[in-house]
Amino acid sequence: MTDGTGEPSAEGKTVKVGMVCTKERGKPMYRDEFKNLPLSDRFMFGEVMRNSGICKLFLEELLQCKIERIVFAAKEADLSDTVLGHGIRLDVFLADENNTHYDVEMQNTSDSIEKRSRYYQSVIDRELLKRSMDYDKLPESFIIFICNFDHVGKGLAKYERVSYYKGTDDEYNDGSHVILLNTRY
């Protein structure tokens, strides 16, 4: 067997690059490594989205804006910073050249998305605003849930949270954004 590098296995046989070799009842079996994995699979999602070119294209299309470059990307970023507090693990956490931060999550269940996004935003903000920094230095951020269901149930492909001051049409813009994508559209 090999790790997919094409080097000889213990049995002296060679496995092609991009293939996985497993043994079942002492007999080697070969299959395409990613052939049957959907994008909603945690591993597949992380592998696809850690490619900065794919992330850049995805964000540009979603937000209808130009991003010069992705300057930071982390797969499964762990932002657990207290012993007693509820930690979070972000599926894909990245930033662009303007220090705008993006958390892209693959969501397979509809439980508490609104509360989850609120909590994720607070933890991300705490991570980004360092001691003695002014609040106006807090960067713009997006939490994007790619849902394999229609969470809102209105048949739209994209839902975006927008806040207003009560009794007005004036938008409350604190630089935080939440977007839900419906892959069942």
Protein backbone atom coordinates (compact mmCIF):
# COMPACT_ATOMS: atom_id res chain seq x y z
CA MET A 1 0.00 0.00 0.00
CA THR A 2 1.04 3.63 -0.46
CA ASP A 3 -0.16 7.01 0.67
CA GLY A 4 -1.05 7.92 -2.92
CA THR A 5 2.41 9.21 -3.86
CA GLY A 6 3.01 6.50 -6.42
CA GLU A 7 5.77 4.87 -4.38
CA PRO A 8 5.92 1.09 -4.06
CA SER A 9 3.86 -0.47 -1.31
CA ALA A 10 5.01 -3.02 1.20
CA GLU A 11 3.98 -5.67 -1.31
CA GLY A 12 6.17 -4.04 -3.98
CA LYS A 13 3.20 -2.86 -6.04
CA THR A 14 2.74 0.76 -7.19
CA VAL A 15 -0.40 2.80 -6.72
CA LYS A 16 -1.25 5.62 -9.13
CA VAL A 17 -1.18 9.20 -7.82
CA GLY A 18 -4.66 10.39 -6.85
CA MET A 19 -5.84 6.92 -5.96
CA VAL A 20 -6.50 5.39 -2.56
CA CYS A 21 -5.52 1.84 -1.80
CA THR A 22 -7.33 -0.04 0.94
CA LYS A 23 -7.35 -3.70 1.84
CA GLU A 24 -10.47 -5.73 2.23
CA ARG A 25 -9.96 -9.37 3.19
CA GLY A 26 -6.27 -9.10 2.24
CA LYS A 27 -7.05 -8.03 -1.32
CA PRO A 28 -6.15 -4.47 -2.45
CA MET A 29 -9.01 -2.27 -3.70
CA TYR A 30 -8.52 0.97 -5.65
CA ARG A 31 -10.96 3.83 -6.00
CA ASP A 32 -10.88 7.48 -6.97
CA GLU A 33 -10.01 9.47 -3.90
CA PHE A 34 -12.74 12.09 -4.09
CA LYS A 35 -15.09 10.71 -6.74
CA ASN A 36 -18.17 10.27 -4.58
CA LEU A 37 -17.67 13.01 -1.99
CA PRO A 38 -20.21 15.85 -2.21
CA LEU A 39 -19.16 19.44 -1.50
CA SER A 40 -21.19 19.21 1.72
CA ASP A 41 -18.70 16.65 3.07
CA ARG A 42 -16.51 18.38 5.71
CA PHE A 43 -13.24 17.12 4.21
CA MET A 44 -14.19 17.94 0.60
CA PHE A 45 -15.50 21.39 1.53
CA GLY A 46 -12.31 22.23 3.41
CA GLU A 47 -10.07 21.00 0.59
CA VAL A 48 -11.97 22.94 -2.09
CA MET A 49 -12.33 26.15 -0.09
CA ARG A 50 -8.73 26.31 1.09
CA ASN A 51 -7.77 27.03 -2.50
CA SER A 52 -7.45 30.83 -2.46
CA GLY A 53 -8.31 31.11 -6.18
CA ILE A 54 -11.59 29.25 -5.69
CA CYS A 55 -12.39 31.30 -2.55
CA LYS A 56 -11.65 34.55 -4.37
CA LEU A 57 -13.89 33.65 -7.30
CA PHE A 58 -16.66 32.42 -4.97
CA LEU A 59 -16.59 35.64 -2.88
CA GLU A 60 -16.43 37.93 -5.92
CA GLU A 61 -19.47 36.27 -7.48
CA LEU A 62 -21.42 36.16 -4.23
CA LEU A 63 -20.68 39.73 -3.15
CA GLN A 64 -20.44 41.22 -6.64
CA CYS A 65 -17.16 42.97 -5.82
CA LYS A 66 -13.53 42.78 -6.89
CA ILE A 67 -11.06 41.17 -4.50
CA GLU A 68 -7.42 41.69 -5.42
CA ARG A 69 -6.09 38.80 -3.39
CA ILE A 70 -6.72 36.51 -0.45
CA VAL A 71 -3.99 37.20 2.11
CA PHE A 72 -4.92 34.67 4.78
CA ALA A 73 -6.87 31.43 4.74
CA ALA A 74 -7.32 28.80 7.44
CA LYS A 75 -9.24 25.54 7.28
CA GLU A 76 -11.09 24.62 10.47
CA ALA A 77 -9.78 27.60 12.44
CA ASP A 78 -10.25 26.99 16.16
CA LEU A 79 -11.25 30.16 18.04
CA SER A 80 -11.74 28.54 21.44
CA ASP A 81 -10.14 31.13 23.69
CA THR A 82 -11.62 30.47 27.12
CA VAL A 83 -11.76 27.43 29.35
CA LEU A 84 -15.41 27.86 30.29
CA GLY A 85 -16.74 29.50 27.12
CA HIS A 86 -18.24 27.71 24.14
CA GLY A 87 -15.57 27.58 21.44
CA ILE A 88 -16.07 27.58 17.70
CA ARG A 89 -14.33 25.92 14.78
CA LEU A 90 -14.71 27.89 11.58
CA ASP A 91 -14.86 25.74 8.43
CA VAL A 92 -12.92 28.27 6.32
CA PHE A 93 -11.69 31.60 7.71
CA LEU A 94 -9.97 34.05 5.40
CA ALA A 95 -9.14 37.70 4.81
CA ASP A 96 -8.55 39.83 1.75
CA GLU A 97 -6.14 42.67 1.01
CA ASN A 98 -8.47 45.21 2.70
CA ASN A 99 -8.53 43.18 5.95
CA THR A 100 -12.15 42.17 5.33
CA HIS A 101 -12.66 38.80 7.00
CA TYR A 102 -14.85 35.96 5.78
CA ASP A 103 -16.09 32.87 7.57
CA VAL A 104 -17.51 30.35 5.09
CA GLU A 105 -19.48 27.50 6.67
CA MET A 106 -21.03 24.40 5.12
CA GLN A 107 -24.33 23.97 6.98
CA ASN A 108 -26.06 20.60 6.88
CA THR A 109 -28.57 21.26 9.69
CA SER A 110 -30.87 24.21 10.24
CA ASP A 111 -30.57 24.36 14.02
CA SER A 112 -30.05 27.84 15.47
CA ILE A 113 -28.40 29.47 12.45
CA GLU A 114 -29.39 32.97 13.61
CA LYS A 115 -27.98 32.43 17.12
CA ARG A 116 -24.95 30.62 15.74
CA SER A 117 -24.13 33.52 13.40
CA ARG A 118 -24.50 35.98 16.28
CA TYR A 119 -22.11 33.97 18.45
CA TYR A 120 -19.62 33.36 15.65
CA GLN A 121 -19.59 37.09 14.93
CA SER A 122 -18.86 37.94 18.56
CA VAL A 123 -15.98 35.45 18.77
CA ILE A 124 -14.53 36.61 15.44
CA ASP A 125 -14.75 40.26 16.56
CA ARG A 126 -13.03 39.45 19.83
CA GLU A 127 -10.26 37.71 17.89
CA LEU A 128 -9.81 40.62 15.46
CA LEU A 129 -9.96 43.55 17.91
CA LYS A 130 -6.77 43.42 19.92
CA ARG A 131 -6.24 45.04 23.31
CA SER A 132 -6.18 48.88 23.19
CA MET A 133 -7.42 49.02 19.58
CA ASP A 134 -10.21 51.50 18.84
CA TYR A 135 -13.58 50.02 17.89
CA ASP A 136 -13.46 51.80 14.53
CA LYS A 137 -10.51 49.53 13.65
CA LEU A 138 -12.78 46.48 13.76
CA PRO A 139 -12.71 45.17 10.18
CA GLU A 140 -15.72 44.40 8.03
CA SER A 141 -16.67 40.73 8.24
CA PHE A 142 -18.96 38.26 6.53
CA ILE A 143 -20.37 35.03 7.89
CA ILE A 144 -21.55 32.92 4.97
CA PHE A 145 -23.58 29.76 5.49
CA ILE A 146 -23.82 27.48 2.47
CA CYS A 147 -26.95 25.51 3.36
CA ASN A 148 -28.03 22.30 1.65
CA PHE A 149 -31.61 23.32 2.51
CA ASP A 150 -33.79 26.45 2.33
CA HIS A 151 -33.48 27.75 5.91
CA VAL A 152 -35.86 30.69 5.43
CA GLY A 153 -38.30 28.72 3.31
CA LYS A 154 -39.04 31.44 0.75
CA GLY A 155 -37.46 29.76 -2.27
CA LEU A 156 -34.65 32.28 -2.73
CA ALA A 157 -31.07 31.35 -3.60
CA LYS A 158 -29.56 33.97 -1.28
CA TYR A 159 -30.72 35.56 1.96
CA GLU A 160 -28.81 38.43 3.53
CA ARG A 161 -29.32 39.88 7.00
CA VAL A 162 -29.91 43.63 6.93
CA SER A 163 -30.56 45.70 10.08
CA TYR A 164 -32.40 49.03 10.31
CA TYR A 165 -33.00 51.56 13.06
CA LYS A 166 -36.54 50.99 14.29
CA GLY A 167 -39.05 53.41 12.79
CA THR A 168 -36.68 54.47 9.98
CA ASP A 169 -35.34 53.31 6.66
CA ASP A 170 -31.80 54.04 7.89
CA GLU A 171 -29.54 51.02 7.75
CA TYR A 172 -27.65 50.06 10.90
CA ASN A 173 -24.22 49.31 9.46
CA ASP A 174 -21.78 47.89 11.97
CA GLY A 175 -19.66 46.17 9.30
CA SER A 176 -20.96 42.68 10.07
CA HIS A 177 -22.81 40.67 7.45
CA VAL A 178 -24.58 37.32 7.43
CA ILE A 179 -25.47 35.56 4.20
CA LEU A 180 -27.35 32.27 3.83
CA LEU A 181 -27.05 30.44 0.51
CA ASN A 182 -29.72 27.92 -0.42
CA THR A 183 -28.14 25.16 -2.53
CA ARG A 184 -31.62 23.67 -3.12
CA TYR A 185 -32.65 26.73 -5.17
